[in-house]
Amino acid sequence: MAEFLEESSGLESTTVGVYRTAATVKGGRRFSFSSLVVVGDRHGRVGMGYGKANQVPPAIEKAQKVAKRAMRKFPLTGRTIPHEVEGRFGACRVRIIPASPGTGVIAGAAVRAVLEMLGIQDCLTKSFGSNNPKNLVKAVIDGLGQLRSKELVESLRGVEIGETRVEEMIHRGEAFVAPSPEEAAAEATDETSTDSTAETAETENN
């Protein structure tokens, strides 16, 4: 469950997992806790953090601070990614595939946490090898680091790229997806302003 970390900047955090370890000492067992947290603004920035403490809340707070410092900007195309990538970490491999509008995020809990905090709403994923949540999150971050925007590729190669396959897929899918409340409100505002302009022009002509 995502929670607001800073409402002013729009940062949200999701706790991927809390882990308990025990050390046997003379007086019994001493417990310590660690947590894995993902922090993002849902607008192209995300970071992960890992923290340890003797209690769960301090461990989560430490992880949130680490994740906030580790946040990076990644390119997006609409509500999905610009192209297919595959991230690796340890024995984990995660393939991230762009999808048309309305598909949703098809992923497991650990992978979904990163993608949703980044702001991706349509995406397909497939993991191979180990299903360790810590390594899965790191593999997703590695894959996202391989993303290149259309503008960056054009500047590096010195060529002009036409409409990509992902952009074409997005345009086709937008016809079958209902507009969001924000987009509907913006369209209503535009229609109202257009109608008022037309009425003003008609009055002046008369």
N, C-alpha and C. Protein backbone atom coordinates (compact mmCIF):
# COMPACT_ATOMS: atom_id res chain seq x y z
N MET A 1 0.84 -1.19 0.00
CA MET A 1 0.00 0.00 0.00
C MET A 1 0.88 1.24 0.00
N ALA A 2 0.68 2.12 -0.99
CA ALA A 2 1.48 3.31 -1.09
C ALA A 2 1.05 4.34 -0.04
N GLU A 3 2.01 5.09 0.47
CA GLU A 3 1.72 6.15 1.42
C GLU A 3 2.51 7.39 1.02
N PHE A 4 1.95 8.57 1.31
CA PHE A 4 2.62 9.80 0.94
C PHE A 4 3.82 10.03 1.86
N LEU A 5 4.98 10.29 1.24
CA LEU A 5 6.17 10.61 1.99
C LEU A 5 6.30 12.11 2.16
N GLU A 6 6.07 12.85 1.07
CA GLU A 6 6.05 14.31 1.09
C GLU A 6 4.92 14.77 0.18
N GLU A 7 3.87 15.30 0.77
CA GLU A 7 2.74 15.73 -0.05
C GLU A 7 3.09 16.94 -0.90
N SER A 8 4.01 17.79 -0.40
CA SER A 8 4.38 18.99 -1.15
C SER A 8 5.04 18.64 -2.47
N SER A 9 5.92 17.63 -2.47
CA SER A 9 6.63 17.23 -3.69
C SER A 9 5.97 16.05 -4.38
N GLY A 10 4.92 15.48 -3.79
CA GLY A 10 4.20 14.37 -4.42
C GLY A 10 4.91 13.03 -4.31
N LEU A 11 5.88 12.91 -3.39
CA LEU A 11 6.60 11.65 -3.25
C LEU A 11 5.76 10.64 -2.49
N GLU A 12 5.76 9.40 -2.99
CA GLU A 12 5.06 8.30 -2.33
C GLU A 12 6.04 7.15 -2.11
N SER A 13 5.77 6.33 -1.11
CA SER A 13 6.64 5.20 -0.82
C SER A 13 5.81 3.93 -0.68
N THR A 14 6.41 2.83 -1.10
CA THR A 14 5.79 1.51 -0.96
C THR A 14 6.80 0.57 -0.30
N THR A 15 6.36 -0.11 0.74
CA THR A 15 7.23 -1.08 1.42
C THR A 15 7.10 -2.43 0.73
N VAL A 16 8.16 -2.85 0.07
CA VAL A 16 8.14 -4.12 -0.65
C VAL A 16 8.19 -5.29 0.31
N GLY A 17 9.00 -5.19 1.35
CA GLY A 17 9.10 -6.30 2.30
C GLY A 17 9.79 -5.89 3.58
N VAL A 18 9.45 -6.56 4.68
CA VAL A 18 10.10 -6.38 5.97
C VAL A 18 10.66 -7.73 6.39
N TYR A 19 11.92 -7.78 6.76
CA TYR A 19 12.60 -9.04 7.04
C TYR A 19 13.13 -9.03 8.48
N ARG A 20 13.00 -10.20 9.15
CA ARG A 20 13.44 -10.31 10.53
C ARG A 20 14.59 -11.30 10.64
N THR A 21 15.59 -10.93 11.38
CA THR A 21 16.71 -11.83 11.66
C THR A 21 16.88 -11.94 13.17
N ALA A 22 17.43 -13.05 13.63
CA ALA A 22 17.60 -13.28 15.07
C ALA A 22 19.02 -13.74 15.35
N ALA A 23 19.61 -13.16 16.37
CA ALA A 23 20.94 -13.56 16.83
C ALA A 23 20.80 -14.17 18.23
N THR A 24 21.31 -15.36 18.43
CA THR A 24 21.21 -16.02 19.72
C THR A 24 22.34 -15.54 20.63
N VAL A 25 21.97 -14.93 21.75
CA VAL A 25 22.94 -14.41 22.71
C VAL A 25 22.71 -15.09 24.06
N LYS A 26 23.47 -14.65 25.06
CA LYS A 26 23.40 -15.31 26.36
C LYS A 26 22.01 -15.23 26.98
N GLY A 27 21.36 -14.09 26.80
CA GLY A 27 20.05 -13.91 27.42
C GLY A 27 18.89 -14.40 26.58
N GLY A 28 19.15 -14.95 25.43
CA GLY A 28 18.05 -15.42 24.57
C GLY A 28 18.33 -15.05 23.12
N ARG A 29 17.31 -14.64 22.42
CA ARG A 29 17.46 -14.26 21.00
C ARG A 29 17.23 -12.76 20.85
N ARG A 30 18.10 -12.13 20.09
CA ARG A 30 17.98 -10.70 19.83
C ARG A 30 17.53 -10.51 18.38
N PHE A 31 16.39 -9.83 18.21
CA PHE A 31 15.82 -9.66 16.88
C PHE A 31 16.24 -8.31 16.28
N SER A 32 16.42 -8.31 14.98
CA SER A 32 16.63 -7.07 14.24
C SER A 32 15.81 -7.16 12.96
N PHE A 33 15.47 -6.00 12.42
CA PHE A 33 14.57 -5.93 11.26
C PHE A 33 15.22 -5.12 10.14
N SER A 34 14.90 -5.50 8.93
CA SER A 34 15.34 -4.75 7.75
C SER A 34 14.14 -4.58 6.83
N SER A 35 14.15 -3.55 6.02
CA SER A 35 13.03 -3.28 5.13
C SER A 35 13.53 -2.81 3.77
N LEU A 36 12.76 -3.16 2.75
CA LEU A 36 13.03 -2.75 1.38
C LEU A 36 11.89 -1.83 0.94
N VAL A 37 12.23 -0.61 0.55
CA VAL A 37 11.24 0.42 0.24
C VAL A 37 11.52 1.02 -1.13
N VAL A 38 10.45 1.33 -1.86
CA VAL A 38 10.55 2.01 -3.15
C VAL A 38 9.86 3.35 -3.03
N VAL A 39 10.53 4.43 -3.45
CA VAL A 39 10.00 5.79 -3.38
C VAL A 39 9.94 6.37 -4.79
N GLY A 40 8.83 7.02 -5.14
CA GLY A 40 8.69 7.63 -6.45
C GLY A 40 7.66 8.73 -6.44
N ASP A 41 7.60 9.49 -7.55
CA ASP A 41 6.63 10.58 -7.65
C ASP A 41 5.55 10.31 -8.70
N ARG A 42 5.58 9.10 -9.31
CA ARG A 42 4.62 8.70 -10.35
C ARG A 42 4.70 9.59 -11.59
N HIS A 43 5.82 10.29 -11.76
CA HIS A 43 6.01 11.14 -12.93
C HIS A 43 7.40 10.94 -13.53
N GLY A 44 7.93 9.71 -13.43
CA GLY A 44 9.20 9.42 -14.09
C GLY A 44 10.40 9.35 -13.16
N ARG A 45 10.22 9.49 -11.84
CA ARG A 45 11.34 9.40 -10.90
C ARG A 45 11.05 8.31 -9.88
N VAL A 46 12.07 7.48 -9.62
CA VAL A 46 11.90 6.39 -8.67
C VAL A 46 13.27 6.02 -8.09
N GLY A 47 13.25 5.47 -6.88
CA GLY A 47 14.48 5.01 -6.23
C GLY A 47 14.14 3.94 -5.21
N MET A 48 15.11 3.09 -4.90
CA MET A 48 14.91 2.03 -3.90
C MET A 48 15.89 2.21 -2.76
N GLY A 49 15.47 1.74 -1.57
CA GLY A 49 16.33 1.85 -0.40
C GLY A 49 16.18 0.65 0.51
N TYR A 50 17.24 0.35 1.25
CA TYR A 50 17.26 -0.78 2.17
C TYR A 50 17.78 -0.27 3.51
N GLY A 51 17.03 -0.53 4.60
CA GLY A 51 17.42 -0.04 5.91
C GLY A 51 17.29 -1.11 6.99
N LYS A 52 18.13 -1.00 8.03
CA LYS A 52 18.12 -1.95 9.14
C LYS A 52 17.98 -1.21 10.46
N ALA A 53 17.26 -1.83 11.41
CA ALA A 53 17.10 -1.26 12.75
C ALA A 53 16.59 -2.35 13.68
N ASN A 54 16.52 -2.01 14.98
CA ASN A 54 16.04 -2.98 15.96
C ASN A 54 14.51 -3.04 16.02
N GLN A 55 13.84 -2.05 15.39
CA GLN A 55 12.39 -2.02 15.32
C GLN A 55 11.97 -1.79 13.88
N VAL A 56 10.72 -2.15 13.56
CA VAL A 56 10.25 -2.04 12.17
C VAL A 56 10.12 -0.59 11.71
N PRO A 57 9.44 0.31 12.45
CA PRO A 57 9.29 1.70 11.95
C PRO A 57 10.62 2.40 11.65
N PRO A 58 11.63 2.32 12.55
CA PRO A 58 12.91 2.96 12.21
C PRO A 58 13.57 2.35 10.97
N ALA A 59 13.40 1.05 10.77
CA ALA A 59 13.97 0.40 9.59
C ALA A 59 13.33 0.94 8.31
N ILE A 60 12.00 1.13 8.35
CA ILE A 60 11.31 1.67 7.17
C ILE A 60 11.72 3.12 6.92
N GLU A 61 11.86 3.91 7.99
CA GLU A 61 12.26 5.31 7.83
C GLU A 61 13.66 5.41 7.23
N LYS A 62 14.58 4.57 7.69
CA LYS A 62 15.93 4.58 7.13
C LYS A 62 15.90 4.22 5.65
N ALA A 63 15.12 3.20 5.30
CA ALA A 63 15.03 2.79 3.90
C ALA A 63 14.43 3.89 3.03
N GLN A 64 13.44 4.61 3.56
CA GLN A 64 12.83 5.71 2.81
C GLN A 64 13.85 6.82 2.54
N LYS A 65 14.69 7.12 3.53
CA LYS A 65 15.71 8.16 3.33
C LYS A 65 16.71 7.74 2.27
N VAL A 66 17.13 6.47 2.31
CA VAL A 66 18.07 5.97 1.31
C VAL A 66 17.45 6.00 -0.08
N ALA A 67 16.18 5.57 -0.18
CA ALA A 67 15.50 5.55 -1.47
C ALA A 67 15.31 6.96 -2.02
N LYS A 68 15.02 7.91 -1.15
CA LYS A 68 14.83 9.29 -1.59
C LYS A 68 16.13 9.85 -2.17
N ARG A 69 17.26 9.53 -1.56
CA ARG A 69 18.55 10.00 -2.09
C ARG A 69 18.92 9.31 -3.39
N ALA A 70 18.41 8.09 -3.57
CA ALA A 70 18.78 7.30 -4.76
C ALA A 70 17.84 7.49 -5.93
N MET A 71 16.88 8.41 -5.83
CA MET A 71 15.90 8.59 -6.90
C MET A 71 16.57 9.05 -8.20
N ARG A 72 16.09 8.47 -9.31
CA ARG A 72 16.61 8.81 -10.63
C ARG A 72 15.44 9.09 -11.57
N LYS A 73 15.74 9.82 -12.63
CA LYS A 73 14.74 10.15 -13.66
C LYS A 73 14.86 9.15 -14.79
N PHE A 74 13.71 8.59 -15.22
CA PHE A 74 13.69 7.64 -16.33
C PHE A 74 12.69 8.13 -17.38
N PRO A 75 13.00 7.92 -18.68
CA PRO A 75 12.09 8.40 -19.73
C PRO A 75 10.85 7.53 -19.85
N LEU A 76 9.72 8.17 -20.12
CA LEU A 76 8.45 7.48 -20.35
C LEU A 76 7.85 7.96 -21.66
N THR A 77 7.01 7.13 -22.26
CA THR A 77 6.24 7.50 -23.44
C THR A 77 4.77 7.35 -23.10
N GLY A 78 4.13 8.47 -22.80
CA GLY A 78 2.75 8.40 -22.35
C GLY A 78 2.66 7.69 -21.01
N ARG A 79 1.90 6.61 -20.96
CA ARG A 79 1.73 5.85 -19.72
C ARG A 79 2.54 4.56 -19.72
N THR A 80 3.44 4.40 -20.69
CA THR A 80 4.25 3.20 -20.77
C THR A 80 5.71 3.57 -21.02
N ILE A 81 6.55 2.60 -21.38
CA ILE A 81 7.97 2.85 -21.60
C ILE A 81 8.25 2.97 -23.10
N PRO A 82 9.36 3.61 -23.48
CA PRO A 82 9.63 3.83 -24.91
C PRO A 82 9.90 2.56 -25.71
N HIS A 83 10.50 1.55 -25.08
CA HIS A 83 10.84 0.34 -25.82
C HIS A 83 11.05 -0.81 -24.83
N GLU A 84 11.18 -2.01 -25.35
CA GLU A 84 11.35 -3.19 -24.50
C GLU A 84 12.78 -3.25 -23.95
N VAL A 85 12.92 -3.63 -22.69
CA VAL A 85 14.23 -3.77 -22.05
C VAL A 85 14.23 -5.02 -21.18
N GLU A 86 15.43 -5.45 -20.83
CA GLU A 86 15.58 -6.59 -19.93
C GLU A 86 16.67 -6.27 -18.91
N GLY A 87 16.28 -6.25 -17.64
CA GLY A 87 17.22 -5.95 -16.56
C GLY A 87 17.71 -7.22 -15.89
N ARG A 88 18.94 -7.16 -15.40
CA ARG A 88 19.55 -8.32 -14.74
C ARG A 88 20.17 -7.89 -13.41
N PHE A 89 20.05 -8.76 -12.43
CA PHE A 89 20.79 -8.60 -11.19
C PHE A 89 20.89 -9.97 -10.53
N GLY A 90 22.12 -10.43 -10.32
CA GLY A 90 22.30 -11.75 -9.75
C GLY A 90 21.70 -12.82 -10.63
N ALA A 91 20.86 -13.67 -10.04
CA ALA A 91 20.20 -14.74 -10.80
C ALA A 91 18.84 -14.31 -11.34
N CYS A 92 18.52 -13.00 -11.23
CA CYS A 92 17.21 -12.50 -11.68
C CYS A 92 17.32 -11.85 -13.06
N ARG A 93 16.32 -12.11 -13.88
CA ARG A 93 16.15 -11.39 -15.14
C ARG A 93 14.70 -10.94 -15.23
N VAL A 94 14.49 -9.68 -15.54
CA VAL A 94 13.13 -9.13 -15.66
C VAL A 94 13.01 -8.46 -17.02
N ARG A 95 12.06 -8.91 -17.82
CA ARG A 95 11.80 -8.31 -19.12
C ARG A 95 10.59 -7.39 -18.99
N ILE A 96 10.74 -6.15 -19.44
CA ILE A 96 9.68 -5.15 -19.36
C ILE A 96 9.28 -4.78 -20.79
N ILE A 97 7.98 -4.93 -21.10
CA ILE A 97 7.49 -4.76 -22.46
C ILE A 97 6.42 -3.67 -22.47
N PRO A 98 6.51 -2.67 -23.35
CA PRO A 98 5.46 -1.64 -23.42
C PRO A 98 4.14 -2.23 -23.87
N ALA A 99 3.04 -1.63 -23.43
CA ALA A 99 1.70 -2.12 -23.75
C ALA A 99 0.79 -0.96 -24.14
N SER A 100 -0.29 -1.28 -24.83
CA SER A 100 -1.24 -0.27 -25.28
C SER A 100 -2.08 0.24 -24.12
N PRO A 101 -2.68 1.43 -24.24
CA PRO A 101 -3.50 1.99 -23.15
C PRO A 101 -4.63 1.05 -22.75
N GLY A 102 -4.85 0.95 -21.44
CA GLY A 102 -5.91 0.10 -20.91
C GLY A 102 -5.44 -1.28 -20.49
N THR A 103 -4.16 -1.61 -20.79
CA THR A 103 -3.64 -2.93 -20.43
C THR A 103 -3.44 -3.08 -18.93
N GLY A 104 -2.94 -2.02 -18.28
CA GLY A 104 -2.61 -2.10 -16.87
C GLY A 104 -1.19 -2.61 -16.67
N VAL A 105 -0.78 -2.73 -15.42
CA VAL A 105 0.55 -3.24 -15.08
C VAL A 105 0.42 -4.72 -14.75
N ILE A 106 0.93 -5.56 -15.64
CA ILE A 106 0.90 -7.01 -15.44
C ILE A 106 2.25 -7.41 -14.85
N ALA A 107 2.31 -7.54 -13.53
CA ALA A 107 3.58 -7.82 -12.86
C ALA A 107 3.33 -8.36 -11.47
N GLY A 108 4.35 -8.95 -10.89
CA GLY A 108 4.28 -9.41 -9.52
C GLY A 108 4.42 -8.25 -8.55
N ALA A 109 4.37 -8.55 -7.25
CA ALA A 109 4.33 -7.50 -6.24
C ALA A 109 5.58 -6.64 -6.26
N ALA A 110 6.77 -7.26 -6.28
CA ALA A 110 8.02 -6.50 -6.21
C ALA A 110 8.22 -5.65 -7.46
N VAL A 111 7.99 -6.22 -8.63
CA VAL A 111 8.16 -5.49 -9.89
C VAL A 111 7.10 -4.41 -10.01
N ARG A 112 5.87 -4.71 -9.62
CA ARG A 112 4.78 -3.74 -9.71
C ARG A 112 5.07 -2.51 -8.86
N ALA A 113 5.66 -2.71 -7.67
CA ALA A 113 5.93 -1.57 -6.79
C ALA A 113 6.81 -0.53 -7.48
N VAL A 114 7.85 -0.97 -8.17
CA VAL A 114 8.75 -0.04 -8.85
C VAL A 114 8.04 0.65 -10.01
N LEU A 115 7.34 -0.12 -10.83
CA LEU A 115 6.71 0.45 -12.03
C LEU A 115 5.61 1.44 -11.66
N GLU A 116 4.82 1.13 -10.63
CA GLU A 116 3.74 2.04 -10.25
C GLU A 116 4.28 3.32 -9.63
N MET A 117 5.34 3.22 -8.82
CA MET A 117 5.93 4.43 -8.25
C MET A 117 6.58 5.29 -9.33
N LEU A 118 7.01 4.66 -10.42
CA LEU A 118 7.58 5.42 -11.54
C LEU A 118 6.51 6.15 -12.32
N GLY A 119 5.28 5.62 -12.31
CA GLY A 119 4.19 6.26 -13.04
C GLY A 119 3.74 5.47 -14.26
N ILE A 120 4.23 4.25 -14.43
CA ILE A 120 3.82 3.42 -15.56
C ILE A 120 2.46 2.81 -15.25
N GLN A 121 1.52 2.93 -16.21
CA GLN A 121 0.18 2.40 -16.03
C GLN A 121 -0.16 1.28 -16.99
N ASP A 122 0.64 1.12 -18.06
CA ASP A 122 0.40 0.05 -19.03
C ASP A 122 1.73 -0.61 -19.35
N CYS A 123 1.86 -1.89 -18.96
CA CYS A 123 3.15 -2.55 -19.13
C CYS A 123 2.98 -4.06 -18.92
N LEU A 124 3.76 -4.83 -19.65
CA LEU A 124 3.83 -6.28 -19.46
C LEU A 124 5.21 -6.63 -18.94
N THR A 125 5.29 -7.60 -18.04
CA THR A 125 6.58 -8.01 -17.50
C THR A 125 6.65 -9.53 -17.41
N LYS A 126 7.87 -10.03 -17.41
CA LYS A 126 8.11 -11.46 -17.21
C LYS A 126 9.45 -11.61 -16.51
N SER A 127 9.47 -12.36 -15.40
CA SER A 127 10.71 -12.57 -14.65
C SER A 127 11.21 -13.99 -14.87
N PHE A 128 12.53 -14.12 -14.87
CA PHE A 128 13.18 -15.41 -15.07
C PHE A 128 14.19 -15.62 -13.94
N GLY A 129 14.39 -16.86 -13.55
CA GLY A 129 15.39 -17.17 -12.54
C GLY A 129 14.86 -16.98 -11.14
N SER A 130 15.69 -16.42 -10.29
CA SER A 130 15.34 -16.26 -8.88
C SER A 130 14.17 -15.28 -8.71
N ASN A 131 13.33 -15.53 -7.69
CA ASN A 131 12.21 -14.63 -7.40
C ASN A 131 12.43 -13.88 -6.09
N ASN A 132 13.70 -13.67 -5.72
CA ASN A 132 14.03 -12.90 -4.53
C ASN A 132 13.59 -11.45 -4.72
N PRO A 133 12.70 -10.91 -3.86
CA PRO A 133 12.19 -9.55 -4.08
C PRO A 133 13.29 -8.49 -4.15
N LYS A 134 14.34 -8.64 -3.33
CA LYS A 134 15.42 -7.64 -3.34
C LYS A 134 16.11 -7.61 -4.70
N ASN A 135 16.41 -8.79 -5.23
CA ASN A 135 17.08 -8.84 -6.53
C ASN A 135 16.14 -8.46 -7.67
N LEU A 136 14.85 -8.77 -7.54
CA LEU A 136 13.90 -8.40 -8.57
C LEU A 136 13.81 -6.88 -8.70
N VAL A 137 13.74 -6.18 -7.57
CA VAL A 137 13.68 -4.72 -7.60
C VAL A 137 14.93 -4.15 -8.24
N LYS A 138 16.09 -4.69 -7.90
CA LYS A 138 17.34 -4.20 -8.48
C LYS A 138 17.42 -4.50 -9.97
N ALA A 139 16.86 -5.64 -10.38
CA ALA A 139 16.85 -5.98 -11.80
C ALA A 139 15.95 -5.02 -12.58
N VAL A 140 14.82 -4.64 -11.99
CA VAL A 140 13.92 -3.68 -12.65
C VAL A 140 14.62 -2.33 -12.79
N ILE A 141 15.30 -1.88 -11.74
CA ILE A 141 16.03 -0.61 -11.81
C ILE A 141 17.10 -0.67 -12.89
N ASP A 142 17.78 -1.82 -13.00
CA ASP A 142 18.80 -1.98 -14.05
C ASP A 142 18.16 -1.89 -15.44
N GLY A 143 16.99 -2.52 -15.60
CA GLY A 143 16.32 -2.46 -16.89
C GLY A 143 15.86 -1.05 -17.24
N LEU A 144 15.32 -0.34 -16.24
CA LEU A 144 14.87 1.03 -16.50
C LEU A 144 16.04 1.93 -16.87
N GLY A 145 17.22 1.63 -16.33
CA GLY A 145 18.40 2.43 -16.67
C GLY A 145 18.82 2.29 -18.12
N GLN A 146 18.32 1.27 -18.81
CA GLN A 146 18.65 1.07 -20.23
C GLN A 146 17.70 1.82 -21.16
N LEU A 147 16.65 2.43 -20.61
CA LEU A 147 15.68 3.14 -21.45
C LEU A 147 16.30 4.37 -22.08
N ARG A 148 15.97 4.60 -23.35
CA ARG A 148 16.43 5.79 -24.07
C ARG A 148 15.21 6.44 -24.74
N SER A 149 15.05 7.72 -24.55
CA SER A 149 13.93 8.42 -25.16
C SER A 149 14.17 8.61 -26.65
N LYS A 150 13.10 8.87 -27.37
CA LYS A 150 13.20 9.09 -28.81
C LYS A 150 14.06 10.31 -29.12
N GLU A 151 13.90 11.37 -28.33
CA GLU A 151 14.67 12.59 -28.55
C GLU A 151 16.17 12.36 -28.34
N LEU A 152 16.52 11.56 -27.31
CA LEU A 152 17.93 11.28 -27.04
C LEU A 152 18.56 10.48 -28.18
N VAL A 153 17.85 9.49 -28.69
CA VAL A 153 18.37 8.69 -29.80
C VAL A 153 18.56 9.55 -31.04
N GLU A 154 17.60 10.44 -31.30
CA GLU A 154 17.72 11.33 -32.45
C GLU A 154 18.94 12.24 -32.34
N SER A 155 19.20 12.76 -31.14
CA SER A 155 20.35 13.65 -30.96
C SER A 155 21.67 12.90 -31.05
N LEU A 156 21.70 11.65 -30.55
CA LEU A 156 22.94 10.88 -30.59
C LEU A 156 23.28 10.42 -32.00
N ARG A 157 22.28 10.03 -32.76
CA ARG A 157 22.51 9.52 -34.11
C ARG A 157 22.48 10.60 -35.17
N GLY A 158 21.94 11.76 -34.84
CA GLY A 158 21.87 12.84 -35.81
C GLY A 158 20.88 12.57 -36.92
N VAL A 159 19.82 11.82 -36.63
CA VAL A 159 18.79 11.51 -37.62
C VAL A 159 17.43 11.84 -37.01
N GLU A 160 16.44 11.90 -37.87
CA GLU A 160 15.07 12.14 -37.42
C GLU A 160 14.29 10.85 -37.50
N ILE A 161 13.73 10.45 -36.36
CA ILE A 161 12.97 9.20 -36.28
C ILE A 161 11.49 9.52 -36.40
N GLY A 162 10.81 8.78 -37.24
CA GLY A 162 9.37 8.98 -37.39
C GLY A 162 8.61 8.41 -36.21
N GLU A 163 7.34 8.13 -36.42
CA GLU A 163 6.51 7.56 -35.36
C GLU A 163 6.98 6.15 -35.04
N THR A 164 7.29 5.89 -33.78
CA THR A 164 7.77 4.58 -33.37
C THR A 164 6.60 3.61 -33.24
N ARG A 165 6.95 2.33 -33.10
CA ARG A 165 5.92 1.30 -32.96
C ARG A 165 5.12 1.51 -31.68
N VAL A 166 5.80 1.94 -30.61
CA VAL A 166 5.11 2.16 -29.34
C VAL A 166 4.15 3.34 -29.45
N GLU A 167 4.58 4.44 -30.10
CA GLU A 167 3.71 5.59 -30.27
C GLU A 167 2.49 5.24 -31.13
N GLU A 168 2.71 4.45 -32.17
CA GLU A 168 1.60 4.00 -33.01
C GLU A 168 0.61 3.16 -32.21
N MET A 169 1.15 2.29 -31.36
CA MET A 169 0.30 1.43 -30.52
C MET A 169 -0.51 2.28 -29.53
N ILE A 170 0.12 3.32 -28.98
CA ILE A 170 -0.58 4.20 -28.04
C ILE A 170 -1.71 4.95 -28.74
N HIS A 171 -1.44 5.46 -29.94
CA HIS A 171 -2.47 6.21 -30.68
C HIS A 171 -3.65 5.31 -31.04
N ARG A 172 -3.37 4.05 -31.40
CA ARG A 172 -4.46 3.14 -31.72
C ARG A 172 -5.29 2.82 -30.48
N GLY A 173 -4.62 2.65 -29.35
CA GLY A 173 -5.32 2.26 -28.13
C GLY A 173 -6.10 3.38 -27.48
N GLU A 174 -5.69 4.64 -27.72
CA GLU A 174 -6.37 5.76 -27.08
C GLU A 174 -7.83 5.88 -27.53
N ALA A 175 -8.14 5.37 -28.71
CA ALA A 175 -9.52 5.45 -29.22
C ALA A 175 -10.47 4.57 -28.42
N PHE A 176 -9.93 3.57 -27.71
CA PHE A 176 -10.78 2.63 -26.99
C PHE A 176 -10.74 2.84 -25.48
N VAL A 177 -10.03 3.88 -25.02
CA VAL A 177 -9.89 4.13 -23.59
C VAL A 177 -10.64 5.39 -23.22
N ALA A 178 -11.44 5.32 -22.17
CA ALA A 178 -12.18 6.49 -21.71
C ALA A 178 -11.21 7.51 -21.13
N PRO A 179 -11.43 8.81 -21.36
CA PRO A 179 -10.52 9.82 -20.82
C PRO A 179 -10.56 9.86 -19.30
N SER A 180 -9.44 10.23 -18.69
CA SER A 180 -9.38 10.36 -17.24
C SER A 180 -10.19 11.56 -16.80
N PRO A 181 -10.55 11.66 -15.50
CA PRO A 181 -11.32 12.82 -15.03
C PRO A 181 -10.62 14.15 -15.31
N GLU A 182 -9.27 14.18 -15.19
CA GLU A 182 -8.54 15.42 -15.48
C GLU A 182 -8.66 15.80 -16.95
N GLU A 183 -8.50 14.80 -17.85
CA GLU A 183 -8.60 15.08 -19.28
C GLU A 183 -10.02 15.51 -19.65
N ALA A 184 -11.04 14.85 -19.05
CA ALA A 184 -12.43 15.22 -19.33
C ALA A 184 -12.71 16.66 -18.89
N ALA A 185 -12.18 17.04 -17.71
CA ALA A 185 -12.38 18.41 -17.22
C ALA A 185 -11.69 19.41 -18.14
N ALA A 186 -10.47 19.06 -18.61
CA ALA A 186 -9.75 19.96 -19.52
C ALA A 186 -10.51 20.13 -20.84
N GLU A 187 -11.08 19.02 -21.37
CA GLU A 187 -11.84 19.10 -22.61
C GLU A 187 -13.09 19.96 -22.43
N ALA A 188 -13.75 19.79 -21.28
CA ALA A 188 -14.95 20.59 -21.02
C ALA A 188 -14.61 22.07 -20.94
N THR A 189 -13.46 22.38 -20.32
CA THR A 189 -13.03 23.78 -20.24
C THR A 189 -12.74 24.35 -21.61
N ASP A 190 -12.06 23.55 -22.45
CA ASP A 190 -11.76 24.00 -23.82
C ASP A 190 -13.04 24.24 -24.61
N GLU A 191 -14.02 23.33 -24.49
CA GLU A 191 -15.28 23.49 -25.21
C GLU A 191 -16.02 24.75 -24.76
N THR A 192 -16.00 24.99 -23.42
CA THR A 192 -16.68 26.18 -22.89
C THR A 192 -16.05 27.45 -23.43
N SER A 193 -14.68 27.48 -23.42
CA SER A 193 -14.00 28.67 -23.93
C SER A 193 -14.24 28.86 -25.42
N THR A 194 -14.30 27.75 -26.18
CA THR A 194 -14.57 27.84 -27.62
C THR A 194 -15.98 28.37 -27.88
N ASP A 195 -16.96 27.88 -27.11
CA ASP A 195 -18.33 28.34 -27.27
C ASP A 195 -18.46 29.82 -26.94
N SER A 196 -17.80 30.26 -25.86
CA SER A 196 -17.88 31.67 -25.49
C SER A 196 -17.23 32.56 -26.53
N THR A 197 -16.11 32.08 -27.12
CA THR A 197 -15.45 32.85 -28.18
C THR A 197 -16.34 32.97 -29.40
N ALA A 198 -17.02 31.87 -29.76
CA ALA A 198 -17.91 31.89 -30.91
C ALA A 198 -19.09 32.83 -30.67
N GLU A 199 -19.65 32.82 -29.45
CA GLU A 199 -20.76 33.71 -29.12
C GLU A 199 -20.34 35.17 -29.18
N THR A 200 -19.12 35.45 -28.70
CA THR A 200 -18.61 36.82 -28.74
C THR A 200 -18.45 37.30 -30.17
N ALA A 201 -17.89 36.44 -31.03
CA ALA A 201 -17.69 36.80 -32.42
C ALA A 201 -19.02 37.02 -33.13
N GLU A 202 -20.03 36.18 -32.81
CA GLU A 202 -21.34 36.33 -33.43
C GLU A 202 -22.02 37.63 -33.01
N THR A 203 -21.85 37.98 -31.71
CA THR A 203 -22.42 39.23 -31.21
C THR A 203 -21.79 40.43 -31.89
N GLU A 204 -20.47 40.40 -32.08
CA GLU A 204 -19.77 41.50 -32.73
C GLU A 204 -20.21 41.65 -34.17
N ASN A 205 -20.42 40.51 -34.86
CA ASN A 205 -20.85 40.57 -36.26
C ASN A 205 -22.24 41.17 -36.38
N ASN A 206 -23.10 40.86 -35.41
CA ASN A 206 -24.44 41.40 -35.45
C ASN A 206 -24.43 42.90 -35.12
